[in-house]
Amino acid sequence: MLKRIQAGLALLAVVGMAAPDPARAAGDSAAGRAKARQCSACHGLNGLARMPNVPNIAGESPIYLEKQLKAFRSGERTDPQMSVIAKPLSDQDIADLAAWYSGIRFSVTVPE
């Protein structure tokens, strides 16, 4: 049974990677990777947080990432670090960062 579940999850992962994501098309992932250097101290360049009070953002929806960054930029959402970092970001910067972090895929191994 476990083998069938793992096979099903593997198939879903392959299908998910092949499916185009129209929301990701707005940003440039390579540009986002370069811009993510300022984010890496807390979120890591790979989107896996380095501190317990910071969220992992790897593989997160680009729509969600853009919405949150824009909320920090506008002051609708506040955080001592994120508000300062998001303030100077342009819409293109935000789209690029969202493209980079949403495109990061990692796998979790399930022991048998």
PDB file of N, CA and C in Angstrom:
ATOM      1  N   MET A   1       0.815  -1.197   0.000  1.00  0.00           N
ATOM      2  CA  MET A   1       0.000   0.000   0.000  1.00  0.00           C
ATOM      3  C   MET A   1       0.863   1.266   0.000  1.00  0.00           C
ATOM      4  N   LEU A   2       1.924   1.253   0.837  1.00  0.00           N
ATOM      5  CA  LEU A   2       2.812   2.407   0.909  1.00  0.00           C
ATOM      6  C   LEU A   2       3.478   2.670  -0.435  1.00  0.00           C
ATOM      7  N   LYS A   3       3.850   1.610  -1.138  1.00  0.00           N
ATOM      8  CA  LYS A   3       4.476   1.765  -2.464  1.00  0.00           C
ATOM      9  C   LYS A   3       3.510   2.449  -3.429  1.00  0.00           C
ATOM     10  N   ARG A   4       2.223   2.098  -3.366  1.00  0.00           N
ATOM     11  CA  ARG A   4       1.222   2.703  -4.265  1.00  0.00           C
ATOM     12  C   ARG A   4       1.041   4.182  -3.947  1.00  0.00           C
ATOM     13  N   ILE A   5       1.064   4.523  -2.658  1.00  0.00           N
ATOM     14  CA  ILE A   5       0.947   5.924  -2.262  1.00  0.00           C
ATOM     15  C   ILE A   5       2.154   6.710  -2.755  1.00  0.00           C
ATOM     16  N   GLN A   6       3.342   6.135  -2.569  1.00  0.00           N
ATOM     17  CA  GLN A   6       4.555   6.809  -3.021  1.00  0.00           C
ATOM     18  C   GLN A   6       4.556   6.980  -4.534  1.00  0.00           C
ATOM     19  N   ALA A   7       4.094   5.967  -5.256  1.00  0.00           N
ATOM     20  CA  ALA A   7       4.032   6.067  -6.720  1.00  0.00           C
ATOM     21  C   ALA A   7       3.053   7.158  -7.129  1.00  0.00           C
ATOM     22  N   GLY A   8       1.925   7.235  -6.437  1.00  0.00           N
ATOM     23  CA  GLY A   8       0.933   8.280  -6.732  1.00  0.00           C
ATOM     24  C   GLY A   8       1.481   9.661  -6.458  1.00  0.00           C
ATOM     25  N   LEU A   9       2.196   9.824  -5.347  1.00  0.00           N
ATOM     26  CA  LEU A   9       2.802  11.114  -5.022  1.00  0.00           C
ATOM     27  C   LEU A   9       3.863  11.497  -6.036  1.00  0.00           C
ATOM     28  N   ALA A  10       4.649  10.520  -6.476  1.00  0.00           N
ATOM     29  CA  ALA A  10       5.669  10.789  -7.491  1.00  0.00           C
ATOM     30  C   ALA A  10       5.021  11.251  -8.787  1.00  0.00           C
ATOM     31  N   LEU A  11       3.931  10.617  -9.177  1.00  0.00           N
ATOM     32  CA  LEU A  11       3.217  11.009 -10.395  1.00  0.00           C
ATOM     33  C   LEU A  11       2.673  12.424 -10.260  1.00  0.00           C
ATOM     34  N   LEU A  12       2.093  12.730  -9.123  1.00  0.00           N
ATOM     35  CA  LEU A  12       1.582  14.088  -8.904  1.00  0.00           C
ATOM     36  C   LEU A  12       2.700  15.118  -8.974  1.00  0.00           C
ATOM     37  N   ALA A  13       3.856  14.784  -8.434  1.00  0.00           N
ATOM     38  CA  ALA A  13       4.988  15.704  -8.481  1.00  0.00           C
ATOM     39  C   ALA A  13       5.432  15.960  -9.910  1.00  0.00           C
ATOM     40  N   VAL A  14       5.484  14.917 -10.731  1.00  0.00           N
ATOM     41  CA  VAL A  14       5.892  15.060 -12.131  1.00  0.00           C
ATOM     42  C   VAL A  14       4.870  15.892 -12.893  1.00  0.00           C
ATOM     43  N   VAL A  15       3.600  15.604 -12.696  1.00  0.00           N
ATOM     44  CA  VAL A  15       2.541  16.354 -13.372  1.00  0.00           C
ATOM     45  C   VAL A  15       2.574  17.810 -12.928  1.00  0.00           C
ATOM     46  N   GLY A  16       2.773  18.046 -11.632  1.00  0.00           N
ATOM     47  CA  GLY A  16       2.818  19.412 -11.117  1.00  0.00           C
ATOM     48  C   GLY A  16       3.970  20.208 -11.677  1.00  0.00           C
ATOM     49  N   MET A  17       5.126  19.566 -11.892  1.00  0.00           N
ATOM     50  CA  MET A  17       6.273  20.282 -12.437  1.00  0.00           C
ATOM     51  C   MET A  17       6.079  20.579 -13.914  1.00  0.00           C
ATOM     52  N   ALA A  18       5.317  19.755 -14.610  1.00  0.00           N
ATOM     53  CA  ALA A  18       5.130  19.949 -16.041  1.00  0.00           C
ATOM     54  C   ALA A  18       4.034  20.969 -16.342  1.00  0.00           C
ATOM     55  N   ALA A  19       3.122  21.156 -15.412  1.00  0.00           N
ATOM     56  CA  ALA A  19       1.999  22.063 -15.660  1.00  0.00           C
ATOM     57  C   ALA A  19       2.474  23.508 -15.621  1.00  0.00           C
ATOM     58  N   PRO A  20       2.101  24.295 -16.612  1.00  0.00           N
ATOM     59  CA  PRO A  20       2.506  25.699 -16.604  1.00  0.00           C
ATOM     60  C   PRO A  20       1.750  26.463 -15.529  1.00  0.00           C
ATOM     61  N   ASP A  21       2.412  27.400 -14.921  1.00  0.00           N
ATOM     62  CA  ASP A  21       1.804  28.239 -13.900  1.00  0.00           C
ATOM     63  C   ASP A  21       1.773  29.660 -14.441  1.00  0.00           C
ATOM     64  N   PRO A  22       0.611  30.129 -14.913  1.00  0.00           N
ATOM     65  CA  PRO A  22       0.546  31.455 -15.520  1.00  0.00           C
ATOM     66  C   PRO A  22       0.954  32.573 -14.578  1.00  0.00           C
ATOM     67  N   ALA A  23       0.746  32.384 -13.286  1.00  0.00           N
ATOM     68  CA  ALA A  23       1.120  33.427 -12.337  1.00  0.00           C
ATOM     69  C   ALA A  23       2.630  33.601 -12.257  1.00  0.00           C
ATOM     70  N   ARG A  24       3.388  32.529 -12.475  1.00  0.00           N
ATOM     71  CA  ARG A  24       4.844  32.608 -12.422  1.00  0.00           C
ATOM     72  C   ARG A  24       5.425  33.337 -13.618  1.00  0.00           C
ATOM     73  N   ALA A  25       4.703  33.403 -14.708  1.00  0.00           N
ATOM     74  CA  ALA A  25       5.221  33.997 -15.937  1.00  0.00           C
ATOM     75  C   ALA A  25       5.527  35.479 -15.788  1.00  0.00           C
ATOM     76  N   ALA A  26       4.909  36.153 -14.827  1.00  0.00           N
ATOM     77  CA  ALA A  26       5.094  37.593 -14.673  1.00  0.00           C
ATOM     78  C   ALA A  26       6.494  37.969 -14.206  1.00  0.00           C
ATOM     79  N   GLY A  27       7.139  37.082 -13.443  1.00  0.00           N
ATOM     80  CA  GLY A  27       8.452  37.403 -12.904  1.00  0.00           C
ATOM     81  C   GLY A  27       9.559  36.627 -13.590  1.00  0.00           C
ATOM     82  N   ASP A  28      10.763  37.120 -13.420  1.00  0.00           N
ATOM     83  CA  ASP A  28      11.959  36.486 -13.975  1.00  0.00           C
ATOM     84  C   ASP A  28      12.676  35.779 -12.828  1.00  0.00           C
ATOM     85  N   SER A  29      12.663  34.470 -12.853  1.00  0.00           N
ATOM     86  CA  SER A  29      13.239  33.674 -11.779  1.00  0.00           C
ATOM     87  C   SER A  29      14.729  33.948 -11.581  1.00  0.00           C
ATOM     88  N   ALA A  30      15.471  34.080 -12.666  1.00  0.00           N
ATOM     89  CA  ALA A  30      16.914  34.343 -12.554  1.00  0.00           C
ATOM     90  C   ALA A  30      17.169  35.697 -11.892  1.00  0.00           C
ATOM     91  N   ALA A  31      16.396  36.693 -12.271  1.00  0.00           N
ATOM     92  CA  ALA A  31      16.523  38.009 -11.640  1.00  0.00           C
ATOM     93  C   ALA A  31      16.111  37.925 -10.173  1.00  0.00           C
ATOM     94  N   GLY A  32      15.080  37.130  -9.896  1.00  0.00           N
ATOM     95  CA  GLY A  32      14.629  36.942  -8.523  1.00  0.00           C
ATOM     96  C   GLY A  32      15.691  36.297  -7.653  1.00  0.00           C
ATOM     97  N   ARG A  33      16.423  35.348  -8.233  1.00  0.00           N
ATOM     98  CA  ARG A  33      17.494  34.681  -7.478  1.00  0.00           C
ATOM     99  C   ARG A  33      18.552  35.698  -7.074  1.00  0.00           C
ATOM    100  N   ALA A  34      18.910  36.575  -7.989  1.00  0.00           N
ATOM    101  CA  ALA A  34      19.902  37.608  -7.673  1.00  0.00           C
ATOM    102  C   ALA A  34      19.377  38.552  -6.591  1.00  0.00           C
ATOM    103  N   LYS A  35      18.115  38.924  -6.691  1.00  0.00           N
ATOM    104  CA  LYS A  35      17.509  39.838  -5.713  1.00  0.00           C
ATOM    105  C   LYS A  35      17.305  39.165  -4.362  1.00  0.00           C
ATOM    106  N   ALA A  36      17.204  37.842  -4.345  1.00  0.00           N
ATOM    107  CA  ALA A  36      16.935  37.100  -3.113  1.00  0.00           C
ATOM    108  C   ALA A  36      18.123  37.090  -2.163  1.00  0.00           C
ATOM    109  N   ARG A  37      19.252  37.577  -2.593  1.00  0.00           N
ATOM    110  CA  ARG A  37      20.420  37.601  -1.699  1.00  0.00           C
ATOM    111  C   ARG A  37      20.110  38.387  -0.435  1.00  0.00           C
ATOM    112  N   GLN A  38      19.339  39.468  -0.562  1.00  0.00           N
ATOM    113  CA  GLN A  38      18.987  40.252   0.628  1.00  0.00           C
ATOM    114  C   GLN A  38      18.018  39.495   1.524  1.00  0.00           C
ATOM    115  N   CYS A  39      17.306  38.530   0.969  1.00  0.00           N
ATOM    116  CA  CYS A  39      16.329  37.742   1.729  1.00  0.00           C
ATOM    117  C   CYS A  39      16.982  36.538   2.405  1.00  0.00           C
ATOM    118  N   SER A  40      18.141  36.147   1.901  1.00  0.00           N
ATOM    119  CA  SER A  40      18.748  34.889   2.315  1.00  0.00           C
ATOM    120  C   SER A  40      19.186  34.856   3.775  1.00  0.00           C
ATOM    121  N   ALA A  41      19.454  35.999   4.375  1.00  0.00           N
ATOM    122  CA  ALA A  41      19.866  35.999   5.782  1.00  0.00           C
ATOM    123  C   ALA A  41      18.791  35.386   6.669  1.00  0.00           C
ATOM    124  N   CYS A  42      17.545  35.609   6.328  1.00  0.00           N
ATOM    125  CA  CYS A  42      16.440  35.068   7.137  1.00  0.00           C
ATOM    126  C   CYS A  42      15.759  33.864   6.473  1.00  0.00           C
ATOM    127  N   HIS A  43      15.432  33.999   5.187  1.00  0.00           N
ATOM    128  CA  HIS A  43      14.681  32.960   4.480  1.00  0.00           C
ATOM    129  C   HIS A  43      15.579  31.949   3.771  1.00  0.00           C
ATOM    130  N   GLY A  44      16.860  32.217   3.703  1.00  0.00           N
ATOM    131  CA  GLY A  44      17.775  31.347   2.972  1.00  0.00           C
ATOM    132  C   GLY A  44      17.587  31.538   1.477  1.00  0.00           C
ATOM    133  N   LEU A  45      18.640  31.379   0.717  1.00  0.00           N
ATOM    134  CA  LEU A  45      18.533  31.519  -0.736  1.00  0.00           C
ATOM    135  C   LEU A  45      17.631  30.440  -1.315  1.00  0.00           C
ATOM    136  N   ASN A  46      17.542  29.317  -0.603  1.00  0.00           N
ATOM    137  CA  ASN A  46      16.695  28.208  -1.051  1.00  0.00           C
ATOM    138  C   ASN A  46      15.279  28.279  -0.491  1.00  0.00           C
ATOM    139  N   GLY A  47      14.956  29.355   0.233  1.00  0.00           N
ATOM    140  CA  GLY A  47      13.601  29.536   0.758  1.00  0.00           C
ATOM    141  C   GLY A  47      13.300  28.791   2.040  1.00  0.00           C
ATOM    142  N   LEU A  48      14.306  28.129   2.595  1.00  0.00           N
ATOM    143  CA  LEU A  48      14.124  27.416   3.858  1.00  0.00           C
ATOM    144  C   LEU A  48      14.715  28.279   4.969  1.00  0.00           C
ATOM    145  N   ALA A  49      13.858  28.715   5.871  1.00  0.00           N
ATOM    146  CA  ALA A  49      14.213  29.682   6.902  1.00  0.00           C
ATOM    147  C   ALA A  49      15.379  29.225   7.754  1.00  0.00           C
ATOM    148  N   ARG A  50      16.154  30.201   8.170  1.00  0.00           N
ATOM    149  CA  ARG A  50      17.312  29.932   9.022  1.00  0.00           C
ATOM    150  C   ARG A  50      16.999  30.194  10.495  1.00  0.00           C
ATOM    151  N   MET A  51      15.835  30.787  10.756  1.00  0.00           N
ATOM    152  CA  MET A  51      15.452  31.107  12.129  1.00  0.00           C
ATOM    153  C   MET A  51      14.059  30.545  12.403  1.00  0.00           C
ATOM    154  N   PRO A  52      13.794  30.157  13.642  1.00  0.00           N
ATOM    155  CA  PRO A  52      12.507  29.514  13.946  1.00  0.00           C
ATOM    156  C   PRO A  52      11.279  30.417  13.785  1.00  0.00           C
ATOM    157  N   ASN A  53      11.434  31.712  13.862  1.00  0.00           N
ATOM    158  CA  ASN A  53      10.283  32.620  13.743  1.00  0.00           C
ATOM    159  C   ASN A  53      10.095  33.181  12.331  1.00  0.00           C
ATOM    160  N   VAL A  54      10.795  32.604  11.373  1.00  0.00           N
ATOM    161  CA  VAL A  54      10.719  33.052   9.976  1.00  0.00           C
ATOM    162  C   VAL A  54      10.111  31.922   9.139  1.00  0.00           C
ATOM    163  N   PRO A  55       9.149  32.245   8.275  1.00  0.00           N
ATOM    164  CA  PRO A  55       8.512  31.178   7.487  1.00  0.00           C
ATOM    165  C   PRO A  55       9.384  30.660   6.340  1.00  0.00           C
ATOM    166  N   ASN A  56       9.201  29.388   6.033  1.00  0.00           N
ATOM    167  CA  ASN A  56       9.778  28.808   4.823  1.00  0.00           C
ATOM    168  C   ASN A  56       8.926  29.290   3.656  1.00  0.00           C
ATOM    169  N   ILE A  57       9.552  29.761   2.602  1.00  0.00           N
ATOM    170  CA  ILE A  57       8.784  30.273   1.467  1.00  0.00           C
ATOM    171  C   ILE A  57       9.082  29.530   0.164  1.00  0.00           C
ATOM    172  N   ALA A  58       9.941  28.540   0.212  1.00  0.00           N
ATOM    173  CA  ALA A  58      10.248  27.745  -0.988  1.00  0.00           C
ATOM    174  C   ALA A  58       8.992  27.033  -1.471  1.00  0.00           C
ATOM    175  N   GLY A  59       8.710  27.157  -2.762  1.00  0.00           N
ATOM    176  CA  GLY A  59       7.580  26.459  -3.354  1.00  0.00           C
ATOM    177  C   GLY A  59       6.229  27.072  -3.028  1.00  0.00           C
ATOM    178  N   GLU A  60       6.226  28.192  -2.352  1.00  0.00           N
ATOM    179  CA  GLU A  60       4.967  28.861  -2.002  1.00  0.00           C
ATOM    180  C   GLU A  60       4.347  29.454  -3.274  1.00  0.00           C
ATOM    181  N   SER A  61       3.071  29.629  -3.271  1.00  0.00           N
ATOM    182  CA  SER A  61       2.356  30.184  -4.420  1.00  0.00           C
ATOM    183  C   SER A  61       2.896  31.576  -4.767  1.00  0.00           C
ATOM    184  N   PRO A  62       3.160  31.844  -6.048  1.00  0.00           N
ATOM    185  CA  PRO A  62       3.642  33.183  -6.424  1.00  0.00           C
ATOM    186  C   PRO A  62       2.601  34.259  -6.124  1.00  0.00           C
ATOM    187  N   ILE A  63       1.343  33.907  -6.224  1.00  0.00           N
ATOM    188  CA  ILE A  63       0.275  34.872  -5.921  1.00  0.00           C
ATOM    189  C   ILE A  63       0.345  35.259  -4.449  1.00  0.00           C
ATOM    190  N   TYR A  64       0.500  34.266  -3.592  1.00  0.00           N
ATOM    191  CA  TYR A  64       0.609  34.519  -2.155  1.00  0.00           C
ATOM    192  C   TYR A  64       1.841  35.368  -1.846  1.00  0.00           C
ATOM    193  N   LEU A  65       2.997  34.992  -2.415  1.00  0.00           N
ATOM    194  CA  LEU A  65       4.227  35.733  -2.145  1.00  0.00           C
ATOM    195  C   LEU A  65       4.110  37.194  -2.573  1.00  0.00           C
ATOM    196  N   GLU A  66       3.559  37.412  -3.760  1.00  0.00           N
ATOM    197  CA  GLU A  66       3.393  38.792  -4.234  1.00  0.00           C
ATOM    198  C   GLU A  66       2.447  39.566  -3.331  1.00  0.00           C
ATOM    199  N   LYS A  67       1.355  38.948  -2.951  1.00  0.00           N
ATOM    200  CA  LYS A  67       0.369  39.626  -2.091  1.00  0.00           C
ATOM    201  C   LYS A  67       1.005  40.033  -0.761  1.00  0.00           C
ATOM    202  N   GLN A  68       1.762  39.132  -0.157  1.00  0.00           N
ATOM    203  CA  GLN A  68       2.380  39.436   1.135  1.00  0.00           C
ATOM    204  C   GLN A  68       3.443  40.521   1.011  1.00  0.00           C
ATOM    205  N   LEU A  69       4.279  40.455  -0.010  1.00  0.00           N
ATOM    206  CA  LEU A  69       5.300  41.487  -0.194  1.00  0.00           C
ATOM    207  C   LEU A  69       4.667  42.851  -0.445  1.00  0.00           C
ATOM    208  N   LYS A  70       3.603  42.883  -1.232  1.00  0.00           N
ATOM    209  CA  LYS A  70       2.918  44.154  -1.488  1.00  0.00           C
ATOM    210  C   LYS A  70       2.244  44.684  -0.226  1.00  0.00           C
ATOM    211  N   ALA A  71       1.740  43.777   0.605  1.00  0.00           N
ATOM    212  CA  ALA A  71       1.123  44.195   1.870  1.00  0.00           C
ATOM    213  C   ALA A  71       2.176  44.788   2.813  1.00  0.00           C
ATOM    214  N   PHE A  72       3.359  44.193   2.860  1.00  0.00           N
ATOM    215  CA  PHE A  72       4.441  44.759   3.677  1.00  0.00           C
ATOM    216  C   PHE A  72       4.876  46.110   3.111  1.00  0.00           C
ATOM    217  N   ARG A  73       4.967  46.200   1.795  1.00  0.00           N
ATOM    218  CA  ARG A  73       5.398  47.444   1.145  1.00  0.00           C
ATOM    219  C   ARG A  73       4.427  48.584   1.426  1.00  0.00           C
ATOM    220  N   SER A  74       3.137  48.292   1.375  1.00  0.00           N
ATOM    221  CA  SER A  74       2.125  49.334   1.567  1.00  0.00           C
ATOM    222  C   SER A  74       1.876  49.678   3.033  1.00  0.00           C
ATOM    223  N   GLY A  75       2.310  48.812   3.939  1.00  0.00           N
ATOM    224  CA  GLY A  75       2.046  49.034   5.357  1.00  0.00           C
ATOM    225  C   GLY A  75       0.778  48.341   5.832  1.00  0.00           C
ATOM    226  N   GLU A  76       0.064  47.685   4.908  1.00  0.00           N
ATOM    227  CA  GLU A  76      -1.142  46.933   5.281  1.00  0.00           C
ATOM    228  C   GLU A  76      -0.773  45.814   6.262  1.00  0.00           C
ATOM    229  N   ARG A  77       0.413  45.249   6.086  1.00  0.00           N
ATOM    230  CA  ARG A  77       0.951  44.238   6.980  1.00  0.00           C
ATOM    231  C   ARG A  77       2.286  44.767   7.481  1.00  0.00           C
ATOM    232  N   THR A  78       2.583  44.566   8.767  1.00  0.00           N
ATOM    233  CA  THR A  78       3.831  45.113   9.301  1.00  0.00           C
ATOM    234  C   THR A  78       4.663  44.055  10.015  1.00  0.00           C
ATOM    235  N   ASP A  79       5.943  44.244   9.936  1.00  0.00           N
ATOM    236  CA  ASP A  79       6.942  43.441  10.627  1.00  0.00           C
ATOM    237  C   ASP A  79       8.204  44.303  10.653  1.00  0.00           C
ATOM    238  N   PRO A  80       8.921  44.327  11.762  1.00  0.00           N
ATOM    239  CA  PRO A  80      10.089  45.212  11.844  1.00  0.00           C
ATOM    240  C   PRO A  80      11.089  45.056  10.700  1.00  0.00           C
ATOM    241  N   GLN A  81      11.368  43.817  10.278  1.00  0.00           N
ATOM    242  CA  GLN A  81      12.330  43.614   9.194  1.00  0.00           C
ATOM    243  C   GLN A  81      11.667  43.693   7.820  1.00  0.00           C
ATOM    244  N   MET A  82      10.568  42.975   7.639  1.00  0.00           N
ATOM    245  CA  MET A  82       9.944  42.889   6.319  1.00  0.00           C
ATOM    246  C   MET A  82       9.419  44.235   5.822  1.00  0.00           C
ATOM    247  N   SER A  83       8.897  45.045   6.709  1.00  0.00           N
ATOM    248  CA  SER A  83       8.375  46.349   6.283  1.00  0.00           C
ATOM    249  C   SER A  83       9.483  47.211   5.685  1.00  0.00           C
ATOM    250  N   VAL A  84      10.644  47.189   6.305  1.00  0.00           N
ATOM    251  CA  VAL A  84      11.790  47.975   5.821  1.00  0.00           C
ATOM    252  C   VAL A  84      12.303  47.406   4.501  1.00  0.00           C
ATOM    253  N   ILE A  85      12.404  46.088   4.417  1.00  0.00           N
ATOM    254  CA  ILE A  85      12.948  45.449   3.217  1.00  0.00           C
ATOM    255  C   ILE A  85      12.004  45.595   2.024  1.00  0.00           C
ATOM    256  N   ALA A  86      10.698  45.486   2.256  1.00  0.00           N
ATOM    257  CA  ALA A  86       9.732  45.521   1.156  1.00  0.00           C
ATOM    258  C   ALA A  86       9.462  46.935   0.638  1.00  0.00           C
ATOM    259  N   LYS A  87       9.662  47.933   1.455  1.00  0.00           N
ATOM    260  CA  LYS A  87       9.321  49.321   1.089  1.00  0.00           C
ATOM    261  C   LYS A  87       9.908  49.751  -0.260  1.00  0.00           C
ATOM    262  N   PRO A  88      11.194  49.530  -0.541  1.00  0.00           N
ATOM    263  CA  PRO A  88      11.751  50.008  -1.819  1.00  0.00           C
ATOM    264  C   PRO A  88      11.530  49.074  -3.013  1.00  0.00           C
ATOM    265  N   LEU A  89      10.902  47.914  -2.807  1.00  0.00           N
ATOM    266  CA  LEU A  89      10.733  46.958  -3.911  1.00  0.00           C
ATOM    267  C   LEU A  89       9.729  47.461  -4.947  1.00  0.00           C
ATOM    268  N   SER A  90      10.089  47.334  -6.207  1.00  0.00           N
ATOM    269  CA  SER A  90       9.148  47.665  -7.296  1.00  0.00           C
ATOM    270  C   SER A  90       8.240  46.468  -7.530  1.00  0.00           C
ATOM    271  N   ASP A  91       7.195  46.668  -8.318  1.00  0.00           N
ATOM    272  CA  ASP A  91       6.320  45.545  -8.675  1.00  0.00           C
ATOM    273  C   ASP A  91       7.112  44.457  -9.395  1.00  0.00           C
ATOM    274  N   GLN A  92       8.077  44.862 -10.239  1.00  0.00           N
ATOM    275  CA  GLN A  92       8.896  43.876 -10.951  1.00  0.00           C
ATOM    276  C   GLN A  92       9.800  43.115  -9.994  1.00  0.00           C
ATOM    277  N   ASP A  93      10.389  43.816  -9.019  1.00  0.00           N
ATOM    278  CA  ASP A  93      11.208  43.136  -8.008  1.00  0.00           C
ATOM    279  C   ASP A  93      10.384  42.063  -7.297  1.00  0.00           C
ATOM    280  N   ILE A  94       9.178  42.427  -6.916  1.00  0.00           N
ATOM    281  CA  ILE A  94       8.288  41.502  -6.201  1.00  0.00           C
ATOM    282  C   ILE A  94       7.933  40.311  -7.088  1.00  0.00           C
ATOM    283  N   ALA A  95       7.613  40.568  -8.343  1.00  0.00           N
ATOM    284  CA  ALA A  95       7.285  39.478  -9.270  1.00  0.00           C
ATOM    285  C   ALA A  95       8.483  38.553  -9.467  1.00  0.00           C
ATOM    286  N   ASP A  96       9.679  39.133  -9.560  1.00  0.00           N
ATOM    287  CA  ASP A  96      10.891  38.328  -9.741  1.00  0.00           C
ATOM    288  C   ASP A  96      11.166  37.464  -8.510  1.00  0.00           C
ATOM    289  N   LEU A  97      11.049  38.051  -7.328  1.00  0.00           N
ATOM    290  CA  LEU A  97      11.256  37.289  -6.096  1.00  0.00           C
ATOM    291  C   LEU A  97      10.226  36.170  -5.967  1.00  0.00           C
ATOM    292  N   ALA A  98       8.982  36.468  -6.302  1.00  0.00           N
ATOM    293  CA  ALA A  98       7.923  35.456  -6.241  1.00  0.00           C
ATOM    294  C   ALA A  98       8.203  34.329  -7.235  1.00  0.00           C
ATOM    295  N   ALA A  99       8.693  34.677  -8.411  1.00  0.00           N
ATOM    296  CA  ALA A  99       9.025  33.654  -9.412  1.00  0.00           C
ATOM    297  C   ALA A  99      10.155  32.759  -8.904  1.00  0.00           C
ATOM    298  N   TRP A 100      11.170  33.352  -8.291  1.00  0.00           N
ATOM    299  CA  TRP A 100      12.295  32.566  -7.779  1.00  0.00           C
ATOM    300  C   TRP A 100      11.848  31.627  -6.662  1.00  0.00           C
ATOM    301  N   TYR A 101      11.260  32.187  -5.613  1.00  0.00           N
ATOM    302  CA  TYR A 101      10.921  31.355  -4.457  1.00  0.00           C
ATOM    303  C   TYR A 101       9.814  30.348  -4.761  1.00  0.00           C
ATOM    304  N   SER A 102       8.861  30.703  -5.610  1.00  0.00           N
ATOM    305  CA  SER A 102       7.790  29.749  -5.931  1.00  0.00           C
ATOM    306  C   SER A 102       8.302  28.607  -6.790  1.00  0.00           C
ATOM    307  N   GLY A 103       9.362  28.847  -7.525  1.00  0.00           N
ATOM    308  CA  GLY A 103       9.902  27.818  -8.410  1.00  0.00           C
ATOM    309  C   GLY A 103      10.821  26.820  -7.730  1.00  0.00           C
ATOM    310  N   ILE A 104      11.152  27.057  -6.474  1.00  0.00           N
ATOM    311  CA  ILE A 104      12.043  26.138  -5.761  1.00  0.00           C
ATOM    312  C   ILE A 104      11.246  24.902  -5.366  1.00  0.00           C
ATOM    313  N   ARG A 105      11.763  23.756  -5.745  1.00  0.00           N
ATOM    314  CA  ARG A 105      11.108  22.485  -5.419  1.00  0.00           C
ATOM    315  C   ARG A 105      12.040  21.681  -4.533  1.00  0.00           C
ATOM    316  N   PHE A 106      11.494  21.098  -3.534  1.00  0.00           N
ATOM    317  CA  PHE A 106      12.261  20.210  -2.683  1.00  0.00           C
ATOM    318  C   PHE A 106      11.409  18.984  -2.408  1.00  0.00           C
ATOM    319  N   SER A 107      12.051  17.924  -2.022  1.00  0.00           N
ATOM    320  CA  SER A 107      11.296  16.689  -1.791  1.00  0.00           C
ATOM    321  C   SER A 107      11.466  16.241  -0.344  1.00  0.00           C
ATOM    322  N   VAL A 108      10.465  15.566   0.104  1.00  0.00           N
ATOM    323  CA  VAL A 108      10.483  15.004   1.447  1.00  0.00           C
ATOM    324  C   VAL A 108      10.530  13.487   1.290  1.00  0.00           C
ATOM    325  N   THR A 109      11.465  12.857   1.953  1.00  0.00           N
ATOM    326  CA  THR A 109      11.553  11.398   1.855  1.00  0.00           C
ATOM    327  C   THR A 109      10.702  10.776   2.957  1.00  0.00           C
ATOM    328  N   VAL A 110       9.910   9.831   2.552  1.00  0.00           N
ATOM    329  CA  VAL A 110       9.060   9.123   3.499  1.00  0.00           C
ATOM    330  C   VAL A 110       9.698   7.758   3.773  1.00  0.00           C
ATOM    331  N   PRO A 111      10.031   7.508   5.050  1.00  0.00           N
ATOM    332  CA  PRO A 111      10.644   6.205   5.344  1.00  0.00           C
ATOM    333  C   PRO A 111       9.653   5.076   5.135  1.00  0.00           C
ATOM    334  N   GLU A 112      10.176   3.943   4.707  1.00  0.00           N
ATOM    335  CA  GLU A 112       9.300   2.781   4.460  1.00  0.00           C
ATOM    336  C   GLU A 112       9.045   2.027   5.737  1.00  0.00           C
TER     337      GLU A 112
END
